N, C-alpha and C. Protein backbone atom coordinates (compact mmCIF):
# COMPACT_ATOMS: atom_id res chain seq x y z
N MET A 1 22.50 -82.24 6.92
CA MET A 1 22.60 -82.72 8.29
C MET A 1 24.10 -82.79 8.61
N ASN A 2 24.47 -82.20 9.74
CA ASN A 2 25.89 -82.26 10.09
C ASN A 2 26.19 -83.55 10.84
N ARG A 3 27.47 -83.77 11.08
CA ARG A 3 27.92 -85.03 11.67
C ARG A 3 27.40 -85.20 13.10
N THR A 4 27.37 -84.14 13.90
CA THR A 4 26.90 -84.24 15.28
C THR A 4 25.44 -84.65 15.33
N ASN A 5 24.61 -84.03 14.51
CA ASN A 5 23.19 -84.39 14.49
C ASN A 5 22.99 -85.84 14.03
N ALA A 6 23.80 -86.27 13.08
CA ALA A 6 23.69 -87.65 12.60
C ALA A 6 24.05 -88.64 13.70
N ILE A 7 25.11 -88.34 14.44
CA ILE A 7 25.52 -89.24 15.53
C ILE A 7 24.47 -89.27 16.63
N LEU A 8 23.96 -88.09 17.00
CA LEU A 8 22.92 -88.04 18.03
C LEU A 8 21.66 -88.77 17.57
N GLY A 9 21.31 -88.61 16.30
CA GLY A 9 20.14 -89.30 15.78
C GLY A 9 20.29 -90.82 15.83
N LEU A 10 21.47 -91.31 15.49
CA LEU A 10 21.71 -92.75 15.57
C LEU A 10 21.67 -93.24 17.01
N CYS A 11 22.24 -92.45 17.92
CA CYS A 11 22.21 -92.85 19.33
C CYS A 11 20.78 -92.97 19.84
N PHE A 12 19.96 -91.97 19.53
CA PHE A 12 18.58 -92.02 19.99
C PHE A 12 17.77 -93.10 19.27
N ALA A 13 18.13 -93.40 18.04
CA ALA A 13 17.41 -94.43 17.30
C ALA A 13 17.68 -95.82 17.85
N PHE A 14 18.91 -96.08 18.28
CA PHE A 14 19.27 -97.41 18.77
C PHE A 14 19.12 -97.58 20.28
N THR A 15 18.88 -96.50 21.01
CA THR A 15 18.74 -96.61 22.46
C THR A 15 17.58 -97.51 22.87
N PRO A 16 16.38 -97.36 22.30
CA PRO A 16 15.29 -98.27 22.70
C PRO A 16 15.60 -99.73 22.37
N LEU A 17 16.27 -99.96 21.26
CA LEU A 17 16.63 -101.32 20.88
C LEU A 17 17.62 -101.91 21.89
N ALA A 18 18.64 -101.12 22.24
CA ALA A 18 19.63 -101.60 23.21
C ALA A 18 19.00 -101.76 24.58
N ALA A 19 18.13 -100.85 24.96
CA ALA A 19 17.48 -100.95 26.26
C ALA A 19 16.58 -102.18 26.32
N GLY A 20 15.96 -102.53 25.20
CA GLY A 20 15.11 -103.72 25.18
C GLY A 20 15.91 -104.99 25.34
N CYS A 21 17.14 -104.98 24.86
CA CYS A 21 17.99 -106.16 25.01
C CYS A 21 18.49 -106.32 26.43
N VAL A 22 18.73 -105.21 27.10
CA VAL A 22 19.30 -105.27 28.45
C VAL A 22 18.21 -105.35 29.50
N TYR A 23 17.15 -104.58 29.34
CA TYR A 23 16.11 -104.49 30.36
C TYR A 23 14.79 -104.94 29.75
N SER A 24 14.22 -105.92 30.34
CA SER A 24 12.92 -106.38 29.90
C SER A 24 11.96 -106.23 31.07
N PRO A 25 10.95 -105.36 30.98
CA PRO A 25 10.04 -105.16 32.10
C PRO A 25 9.34 -106.45 32.52
N VAL A 26 9.10 -107.34 31.58
CA VAL A 26 8.43 -108.59 31.92
C VAL A 26 9.34 -109.47 32.78
N ALA A 27 10.62 -109.51 32.44
CA ALA A 27 11.55 -110.34 33.19
C ALA A 27 11.81 -109.79 34.59
N MET A 28 11.58 -108.50 34.80
CA MET A 28 11.88 -107.89 36.09
C MET A 28 10.71 -107.98 37.07
N GLN A 29 9.56 -108.44 36.63
CA GLN A 29 8.41 -108.54 37.51
C GLN A 29 8.55 -109.74 38.44
N PRO A 30 8.28 -109.56 39.74
CA PRO A 30 8.38 -110.71 40.66
C PRO A 30 7.28 -111.72 40.37
N THR A 31 7.62 -112.99 40.47
CA THR A 31 6.64 -114.03 40.22
C THR A 31 5.86 -114.38 41.48
N GLN A 32 6.48 -114.18 42.64
CA GLN A 32 5.78 -114.42 43.89
C GLN A 32 6.41 -113.58 44.98
N THR A 33 5.66 -113.31 46.00
CA THR A 33 6.15 -112.55 47.13
C THR A 33 6.38 -113.50 48.29
N VAL A 34 7.57 -113.45 48.86
CA VAL A 34 7.91 -114.31 49.98
C VAL A 34 8.07 -113.44 51.21
N THR A 35 7.36 -113.77 52.26
CA THR A 35 7.48 -113.06 53.51
C THR A 35 8.34 -113.88 54.46
N ILE A 36 9.42 -113.28 54.93
CA ILE A 36 10.32 -113.97 55.85
C ILE A 36 10.01 -113.48 57.26
N PRO A 37 9.53 -114.38 58.12
CA PRO A 37 9.25 -113.95 59.49
C PRO A 37 10.54 -113.71 60.25
N VAL A 38 10.66 -112.53 60.82
CA VAL A 38 11.84 -112.18 61.59
C VAL A 38 11.45 -112.15 63.06
N ALA A 39 12.03 -113.07 63.82
CA ALA A 39 11.73 -113.14 65.25
C ALA A 39 12.42 -111.99 65.97
N ARG A 40 11.77 -111.47 66.97
CA ARG A 40 12.35 -110.40 67.78
C ARG A 40 13.03 -110.98 69.02
N ALA A 41 13.68 -112.12 68.85
CA ALA A 41 14.38 -112.77 69.95
C ALA A 41 15.66 -112.01 70.26
N ALA A 42 16.11 -112.17 71.49
CA ALA A 42 17.36 -111.53 71.89
C ALA A 42 18.54 -112.21 71.20
N VAL A 43 19.45 -111.42 70.72
CA VAL A 43 20.63 -111.92 70.03
C VAL A 43 21.82 -111.81 70.97
N THR A 44 22.56 -112.90 71.09
CA THR A 44 23.76 -112.88 71.92
C THR A 44 24.99 -112.66 71.05
N GLU A 45 25.92 -111.88 71.56
CA GLU A 45 27.18 -111.60 70.87
C GLU A 45 28.30 -112.20 71.71
N ALA A 46 29.12 -113.04 71.10
CA ALA A 46 30.21 -113.70 71.82
C ALA A 46 31.52 -113.53 71.05
N ASN A 47 32.61 -113.41 71.78
CA ASN A 47 33.93 -113.35 71.15
C ASN A 47 34.29 -114.72 70.60
N VAL A 48 35.03 -114.73 69.50
CA VAL A 48 35.51 -115.98 68.90
C VAL A 48 36.95 -116.16 69.37
N PHE A 49 37.19 -117.23 70.11
CA PHE A 49 38.51 -117.48 70.69
C PHE A 49 39.57 -117.63 69.61
N GLY A 50 40.69 -116.93 69.78
CA GLY A 50 41.80 -117.03 68.85
C GLY A 50 41.77 -116.06 67.70
N PHE A 51 40.68 -115.31 67.55
CA PHE A 51 40.56 -114.34 66.47
C PHE A 51 40.20 -112.98 67.07
N PRO A 52 41.17 -112.06 67.16
CA PRO A 52 40.88 -110.76 67.76
C PRO A 52 39.77 -110.02 67.00
N HIS A 53 38.86 -109.45 67.74
CA HIS A 53 37.74 -108.64 67.23
C HIS A 53 36.68 -109.45 66.48
N ALA A 54 36.83 -110.76 66.38
CA ALA A 54 35.81 -111.59 65.73
C ALA A 54 34.67 -111.84 66.71
N LYS A 55 33.45 -111.82 66.20
CA LYS A 55 32.25 -112.00 67.03
C LYS A 55 31.34 -113.04 66.39
N ALA A 56 30.61 -113.74 67.24
CA ALA A 56 29.58 -114.68 66.79
C ALA A 56 28.24 -114.19 67.30
N TYR A 57 27.24 -114.17 66.44
CA TYR A 57 25.90 -113.71 66.78
C TYR A 57 24.93 -114.86 66.59
N ARG A 58 24.06 -115.06 67.57
CA ARG A 58 23.02 -116.08 67.46
C ARG A 58 21.92 -115.79 68.46
N THR A 59 20.76 -116.37 68.20
CA THR A 59 19.66 -116.27 69.16
C THR A 59 19.79 -117.42 70.14
N GLU A 60 19.09 -117.32 71.22
CA GLU A 60 19.17 -118.36 72.25
C GLU A 60 18.55 -119.66 71.75
N GLY A 61 19.03 -120.75 72.30
CA GLY A 61 18.53 -122.06 71.92
C GLY A 61 19.68 -123.01 71.66
N THR A 62 19.36 -124.29 71.64
CA THR A 62 20.40 -125.30 71.44
C THR A 62 20.31 -125.98 70.09
N ASP A 63 19.34 -125.60 69.27
CA ASP A 63 19.19 -126.25 67.97
C ASP A 63 20.33 -125.84 67.03
N ALA A 64 20.67 -126.75 66.13
CA ALA A 64 21.75 -126.49 65.16
C ALA A 64 21.28 -125.46 64.13
N ARG A 65 22.19 -124.59 63.75
CA ARG A 65 21.87 -123.55 62.78
C ARG A 65 22.96 -123.51 61.71
N PRO A 66 22.62 -123.12 60.50
CA PRO A 66 23.67 -122.92 59.50
C PRO A 66 24.51 -121.70 59.88
N VAL A 67 25.77 -121.73 59.49
CA VAL A 67 26.69 -120.64 59.83
C VAL A 67 26.88 -119.75 58.61
N LEU A 68 26.82 -118.46 58.85
CA LEU A 68 27.03 -117.46 57.81
C LEU A 68 28.24 -116.64 58.23
N VAL A 69 29.25 -116.53 57.38
CA VAL A 69 30.47 -115.80 57.70
C VAL A 69 30.41 -114.42 57.07
N ILE A 70 30.65 -113.40 57.87
CA ILE A 70 30.69 -112.02 57.40
C ILE A 70 32.15 -111.59 57.40
N LEU A 71 32.70 -111.36 56.21
CA LEU A 71 34.08 -110.90 56.10
C LEU A 71 34.06 -109.41 55.82
N GLY A 72 34.19 -108.65 56.85
CA GLY A 72 34.22 -107.20 56.72
C GLY A 72 35.60 -106.69 57.08
N GLY A 73 35.76 -105.40 56.98
CA GLY A 73 37.02 -104.81 57.39
C GLY A 73 37.59 -103.85 56.38
N ALA A 74 37.10 -103.88 55.16
CA ALA A 74 37.61 -102.94 54.17
C ALA A 74 37.30 -101.50 54.58
N GLU A 75 36.26 -101.35 55.41
CA GLU A 75 35.91 -100.01 55.89
C GLU A 75 36.78 -99.60 57.07
N GLY A 76 37.64 -100.49 57.53
CA GLY A 76 38.57 -100.16 58.60
C GLY A 76 38.12 -100.54 59.99
N ASN A 77 36.99 -101.19 60.11
CA ASN A 77 36.50 -101.61 61.44
C ASN A 77 35.58 -102.81 61.28
N ASP A 78 34.83 -103.12 62.32
CA ASP A 78 33.93 -104.27 62.29
C ASP A 78 32.47 -103.86 62.17
N GLU A 79 32.22 -102.77 61.48
CA GLU A 79 30.87 -102.25 61.35
C GLU A 79 29.93 -103.22 60.62
N ALA A 80 30.42 -103.91 59.60
CA ALA A 80 29.56 -104.83 58.85
C ALA A 80 29.04 -105.95 59.75
N GLY A 81 29.91 -106.50 60.59
CA GLY A 81 29.49 -107.57 61.50
C GLY A 81 28.50 -107.07 62.54
N LYS A 82 28.76 -105.90 63.09
CA LYS A 82 27.85 -105.35 64.10
C LYS A 82 26.50 -105.01 63.50
N ARG A 83 26.50 -104.62 62.24
CA ARG A 83 25.24 -104.24 61.60
C ARG A 83 24.44 -105.45 61.13
N PHE A 84 25.10 -106.38 60.44
CA PHE A 84 24.38 -107.48 59.82
C PHE A 84 24.34 -108.75 60.66
N GLY A 85 25.25 -108.90 61.63
CA GLY A 85 25.27 -110.09 62.48
C GLY A 85 23.95 -110.34 63.19
N PRO A 86 23.41 -109.34 63.91
CA PRO A 86 22.11 -109.55 64.57
C PRO A 86 20.96 -109.80 63.60
N ILE A 87 21.02 -109.20 62.44
CA ILE A 87 19.95 -109.41 61.45
C ILE A 87 19.93 -110.86 60.99
N PHE A 88 21.10 -111.39 60.62
CA PHE A 88 21.17 -112.78 60.18
C PHE A 88 20.87 -113.75 61.31
N ALA A 89 21.25 -113.39 62.54
CA ALA A 89 20.94 -114.25 63.68
C ALA A 89 19.43 -114.36 63.88
N ARG A 90 18.72 -113.27 63.71
CA ARG A 90 17.25 -113.30 63.85
C ARG A 90 16.59 -114.07 62.71
N LEU A 91 17.30 -114.21 61.59
CA LEU A 91 16.77 -115.00 60.47
C LEU A 91 17.07 -116.48 60.62
N GLY A 92 17.75 -116.87 61.71
CA GLY A 92 17.98 -118.29 61.97
C GLY A 92 19.39 -118.78 61.73
N TYR A 93 20.32 -117.90 61.45
CA TYR A 93 21.71 -118.28 61.22
C TYR A 93 22.54 -118.01 62.46
N THR A 94 23.68 -118.67 62.54
CA THR A 94 24.74 -118.23 63.44
C THR A 94 25.68 -117.42 62.57
N ALA A 95 25.73 -116.13 62.82
CA ALA A 95 26.55 -115.24 62.00
C ALA A 95 27.88 -115.01 62.70
N VAL A 96 28.97 -115.23 61.98
CA VAL A 96 30.30 -115.03 62.54
C VAL A 96 30.97 -113.92 61.73
N SER A 97 31.40 -112.88 62.44
CA SER A 97 32.03 -111.73 61.80
C SER A 97 33.53 -111.79 61.99
N PHE A 98 34.27 -111.78 60.88
CA PHE A 98 35.73 -111.76 60.91
C PHE A 98 36.22 -110.47 60.24
N PRO A 99 36.48 -109.41 61.01
CA PRO A 99 37.05 -108.22 60.38
C PRO A 99 38.52 -108.45 60.07
N TYR A 100 38.93 -108.10 58.89
CA TYR A 100 40.34 -108.31 58.53
C TYR A 100 41.09 -107.01 58.53
């Protein structure tokens, strides 16, 4: 047996063992399914005073909501806020996007 075959044989012999340590199919199975109701309410977009290009997204209403901050800008624009702001607003958050 040459050295290459021996190395390949060892790699294939230990791969299932290593995979079993890292990935366990039992641990990856969901224990319960959670359905999150997403309201189709209108989302308002407002400028944040004092922060250029910053936007706040929320659905209509006067009830207090938790605030979620979206720090985007590595892509060079405010695409992350425009994309995810309305989604989080429909989930019940006030989403504030700060592109840097």
